[in-house]
Amino acid sequence: MGVDQLENELGALELIHMIVETYDAYFSNVCELDIMFNLEKAHMLVDEVLIRGNIAETCRRNILEPIVLLDQTSKEKN
């Protein structure tokens, strides 16, 4: 993550921490392989958090809800 001099460094660290916790909640004890083999889902989770580089959502439940619904609908179709 790159930040300029005007950005709050602790805020950036908190954002990284929140994203890792969200990955951990979704992937159940996340590791590098989870992200490598599910890169699209990892990007979708980050997309739920950030919009154009700005934080749009910080509530883990609100971040995970659309992804879980997408998973459920894809399982129902199969």
N, C-alpha and C. Protein backbone atom coordinates (compact mmCIF):
# COMPACT_ATOMS: atom_id res chain seq x y z
N MET A 1 0.85 -1.16 0.00
CA MET A 1 0.00 0.00 0.00
C MET A 1 0.90 1.22 0.00
N GLY A 2 0.63 2.12 -0.87
CA GLY A 2 1.38 3.36 -0.93
C GLY A 2 0.57 4.50 -0.37
N VAL A 3 1.21 5.31 0.43
CA VAL A 3 0.56 6.50 0.97
C VAL A 3 1.49 7.69 0.80
N ASP A 4 0.92 8.87 0.66
CA ASP A 4 1.75 10.07 0.55
C ASP A 4 1.90 10.71 1.94
N GLN A 5 2.57 11.84 1.97
CA GLN A 5 2.85 12.50 3.24
C GLN A 5 1.60 13.02 3.94
N LEU A 6 0.54 13.21 3.20
CA LEU A 6 -0.69 13.74 3.79
C LEU A 6 -1.56 12.65 4.42
N GLU A 7 -1.29 11.39 4.10
CA GLU A 7 -2.09 10.29 4.62
C GLU A 7 -1.65 9.92 6.03
N ASN A 8 -2.58 9.40 6.78
CA ASN A 8 -2.31 8.93 8.13
C ASN A 8 -1.76 7.51 8.05
N GLU A 9 -0.53 7.31 8.47
CA GLU A 9 0.12 6.00 8.39
C GLU A 9 -0.59 4.97 9.27
N LEU A 10 -1.04 5.39 10.44
CA LEU A 10 -1.76 4.46 11.31
C LEU A 10 -3.09 4.06 10.71
N GLY A 11 -3.72 4.97 9.99
CA GLY A 11 -4.96 4.65 9.29
C GLY A 11 -4.72 3.60 8.21
N ALA A 12 -3.60 3.72 7.51
CA ALA A 12 -3.26 2.74 6.47
C ALA A 12 -2.99 1.37 7.10
N LEU A 13 -2.29 1.34 8.23
CA LEU A 13 -2.04 0.08 8.92
C LEU A 13 -3.34 -0.54 9.42
N GLU A 14 -4.24 0.30 9.91
CA GLU A 14 -5.54 -0.20 10.38
C GLU A 14 -6.35 -0.77 9.22
N LEU A 15 -6.26 -0.16 8.05
CA LEU A 15 -6.96 -0.67 6.87
C LEU A 15 -6.41 -2.04 6.48
N ILE A 16 -5.10 -2.18 6.47
CA ILE A 16 -4.49 -3.47 6.15
C ILE A 16 -4.94 -4.53 7.17
N HIS A 17 -4.93 -4.16 8.43
CA HIS A 17 -5.35 -5.09 9.47
C HIS A 17 -6.81 -5.51 9.29
N MET A 18 -7.68 -4.57 8.96
CA MET A 18 -9.09 -4.87 8.76
C MET A 18 -9.29 -5.80 7.56
N ILE A 19 -8.53 -5.57 6.48
CA ILE A 19 -8.64 -6.43 5.30
C ILE A 19 -8.17 -7.85 5.62
N VAL A 20 -7.08 -7.98 6.37
CA VAL A 20 -6.59 -9.30 6.75
C VAL A 20 -7.61 -10.01 7.65
N GLU A 21 -8.21 -9.30 8.58
CA GLU A 21 -9.23 -9.90 9.43
C GLU A 21 -10.45 -10.33 8.62
N THR A 22 -10.81 -9.56 7.61
CA THR A 22 -11.92 -9.92 6.75
C THR A 22 -11.58 -11.16 5.93
N TYR A 23 -10.36 -11.22 5.40
CA TYR A 23 -9.91 -12.43 4.70
C TYR A 23 -9.97 -13.63 5.64
N ASP A 24 -9.54 -13.44 6.87
CA ASP A 24 -9.53 -14.52 7.84
C ASP A 24 -10.94 -15.01 8.13
N ALA A 25 -11.89 -14.09 8.22
CA ALA A 25 -13.28 -14.48 8.46
C ALA A 25 -13.86 -15.22 7.26
N TYR A 26 -13.54 -14.80 6.06
CA TYR A 26 -14.09 -15.43 4.86
C TYR A 26 -13.44 -16.78 4.57
N PHE A 27 -12.11 -16.83 4.61
CA PHE A 27 -11.39 -18.04 4.25
C PHE A 27 -11.16 -18.98 5.43
N SER A 28 -11.56 -18.63 6.62
CA SER A 28 -11.35 -19.43 7.82
C SER A 28 -9.87 -19.76 8.01
N ASN A 29 -9.18 -18.90 8.71
CA ASN A 29 -7.74 -19.02 8.95
C ASN A 29 -6.97 -18.88 7.64
N VAL A 30 -6.98 -17.70 7.09
CA VAL A 30 -6.42 -17.40 5.77
C VAL A 30 -4.92 -17.65 5.72
N CYS A 31 -4.46 -18.11 4.57
CA CYS A 31 -3.04 -18.24 4.30
C CYS A 31 -2.80 -17.76 2.86
N GLU A 32 -1.54 -17.72 2.46
CA GLU A 32 -1.20 -17.22 1.12
C GLU A 32 -1.86 -18.04 0.02
N LEU A 33 -1.97 -19.35 0.22
CA LEU A 33 -2.57 -20.22 -0.80
C LEU A 33 -4.04 -19.91 -1.01
N ASP A 34 -4.76 -19.54 0.06
CA ASP A 34 -6.16 -19.15 -0.09
C ASP A 34 -6.29 -17.98 -1.04
N ILE A 35 -5.42 -17.01 -0.89
CA ILE A 35 -5.47 -15.83 -1.74
C ILE A 35 -5.03 -16.17 -3.16
N MET A 36 -3.98 -16.97 -3.29
CA MET A 36 -3.48 -17.32 -4.62
C MET A 36 -4.52 -18.09 -5.44
N PHE A 37 -5.21 -19.05 -4.81
CA PHE A 37 -6.16 -19.87 -5.53
C PHE A 37 -7.55 -19.27 -5.60
N ASN A 38 -7.77 -18.20 -4.88
CA ASN A 38 -9.07 -17.50 -4.89
C ASN A 38 -8.86 -16.01 -5.09
N LEU A 39 -8.02 -15.67 -6.04
CA LEU A 39 -7.64 -14.27 -6.24
C LEU A 39 -8.85 -13.40 -6.57
N GLU A 40 -9.78 -13.92 -7.34
CA GLU A 40 -10.96 -13.14 -7.70
C GLU A 40 -11.77 -12.79 -6.45
N LYS A 41 -11.96 -13.75 -5.55
CA LYS A 41 -12.69 -13.48 -4.30
C LYS A 41 -11.92 -12.49 -3.43
N ALA A 42 -10.61 -12.61 -3.39
CA ALA A 42 -9.79 -11.68 -2.60
C ALA A 42 -9.96 -10.26 -3.14
N HIS A 43 -9.96 -10.12 -4.45
CA HIS A 43 -10.17 -8.79 -5.05
C HIS A 43 -11.57 -8.28 -4.78
N MET A 44 -12.55 -9.17 -4.82
CA MET A 44 -13.93 -8.74 -4.55
C MET A 44 -14.07 -8.22 -3.13
N LEU A 45 -13.40 -8.86 -2.18
CA LEU A 45 -13.46 -8.39 -0.80
C LEU A 45 -12.84 -7.01 -0.66
N VAL A 46 -11.70 -6.79 -1.31
CA VAL A 46 -11.07 -5.47 -1.25
C VAL A 46 -11.95 -4.43 -1.96
N ASP A 47 -12.58 -4.84 -3.06
CA ASP A 47 -13.48 -3.92 -3.77
C ASP A 47 -14.67 -3.50 -2.92
N GLU A 48 -15.10 -4.38 -2.01
CA GLU A 48 -16.19 -4.02 -1.10
C GLU A 48 -15.73 -2.99 -0.07
N VAL A 49 -14.44 -2.97 0.22
CA VAL A 49 -13.89 -2.04 1.22
C VAL A 49 -13.55 -0.69 0.58
N LEU A 50 -12.91 -0.72 -0.57
CA LEU A 50 -12.39 0.50 -1.21
C LEU A 50 -13.16 0.85 -2.48
N ILE A 51 -13.39 2.12 -2.68
CA ILE A 51 -13.94 2.65 -3.93
C ILE A 51 -13.04 3.80 -4.35
N ARG A 52 -12.39 3.62 -5.51
CA ARG A 52 -11.46 4.63 -6.04
C ARG A 52 -10.39 5.03 -5.02
N GLY A 53 -9.91 4.06 -4.26
CA GLY A 53 -8.85 4.33 -3.30
C GLY A 53 -9.31 4.90 -1.98
N ASN A 54 -10.60 5.12 -1.83
CA ASN A 54 -11.15 5.65 -0.58
C ASN A 54 -11.89 4.55 0.16
N ILE A 55 -11.80 4.58 1.46
CA ILE A 55 -12.47 3.58 2.28
C ILE A 55 -13.98 3.82 2.21
N ALA A 56 -14.70 2.79 1.77
CA ALA A 56 -16.14 2.92 1.63
C ALA A 56 -16.89 2.14 2.71
N GLU A 57 -16.29 1.07 3.21
CA GLU A 57 -16.96 0.22 4.19
C GLU A 57 -15.94 -0.34 5.17
N THR A 58 -16.29 -0.36 6.45
CA THR A 58 -15.39 -0.91 7.45
C THR A 58 -16.05 -2.01 8.27
N CYS A 59 -17.34 -2.20 8.12
CA CYS A 59 -18.06 -3.24 8.87
C CYS A 59 -17.86 -4.59 8.17
N ARG A 60 -17.22 -5.52 8.86
CA ARG A 60 -16.91 -6.81 8.26
C ARG A 60 -18.17 -7.54 7.78
N ARG A 61 -19.25 -7.46 8.52
CA ARG A 61 -20.49 -8.12 8.13
C ARG A 61 -21.01 -7.56 6.81
N ASN A 62 -20.96 -6.25 6.64
CA ASN A 62 -21.41 -5.63 5.39
C ASN A 62 -20.49 -5.95 4.23
N ILE A 63 -19.21 -6.17 4.51
CA ILE A 63 -18.26 -6.52 3.46
C ILE A 63 -18.48 -7.95 2.99
N LEU A 64 -18.70 -8.85 3.93
CA LEU A 64 -18.82 -10.27 3.61
C LEU A 64 -20.19 -10.65 3.04
N GLU A 65 -21.23 -9.92 3.38
CA GLU A 65 -22.59 -10.29 2.98
C GLU A 65 -22.76 -10.48 1.47
N PRO A 66 -22.35 -9.54 0.61
CA PRO A 66 -22.55 -9.76 -0.83
C PRO A 66 -21.73 -10.93 -1.38
N ILE A 67 -20.55 -11.16 -0.83
CA ILE A 67 -19.71 -12.25 -1.30
C ILE A 67 -20.32 -13.59 -0.90
N VAL A 68 -20.83 -13.69 0.32
CA VAL A 68 -21.46 -14.91 0.78
C VAL A 68 -22.74 -15.18 -0.03
N LEU A 69 -23.52 -14.15 -0.31
CA LEU A 69 -24.71 -14.32 -1.14
C LEU A 69 -24.35 -14.81 -2.55
N LEU A 70 -23.29 -14.28 -3.09
CA LEU A 70 -22.82 -14.72 -4.40
C LEU A 70 -22.41 -16.19 -4.36
N ASP A 71 -21.73 -16.59 -3.30
CA ASP A 71 -21.35 -17.99 -3.14
C ASP A 71 -22.58 -18.89 -3.05
N GLN A 72 -23.58 -18.48 -2.31
CA GLN A 72 -24.79 -19.26 -2.15
C GLN A 72 -25.54 -19.42 -3.46
N THR A 73 -25.65 -18.35 -4.24
CA THR A 73 -26.35 -18.45 -5.52
C THR A 73 -25.59 -19.30 -6.52
N SER A 74 -24.27 -19.26 -6.47
CA SER A 74 -23.49 -20.09 -7.40
C SER A 74 -23.59 -21.56 -7.02
N LYS A 75 -23.70 -21.87 -5.72
CA LYS A 75 -23.88 -23.26 -5.28
C LYS A 75 -25.26 -23.78 -5.66
N GLU A 76 -26.27 -22.91 -5.60
CA GLU A 76 -27.63 -23.32 -5.95
C GLU A 76 -27.73 -23.64 -7.45
N LYS A 77 -27.02 -22.91 -8.27
CA LYS A 77 -27.05 -23.15 -9.72
C LYS A 77 -26.37 -24.45 -10.09
N ASN A 78 -25.37 -24.87 -9.30
CA ASN A 78 -24.64 -26.10 -9.60
C ASN A 78 -25.35 -27.23 -8.96
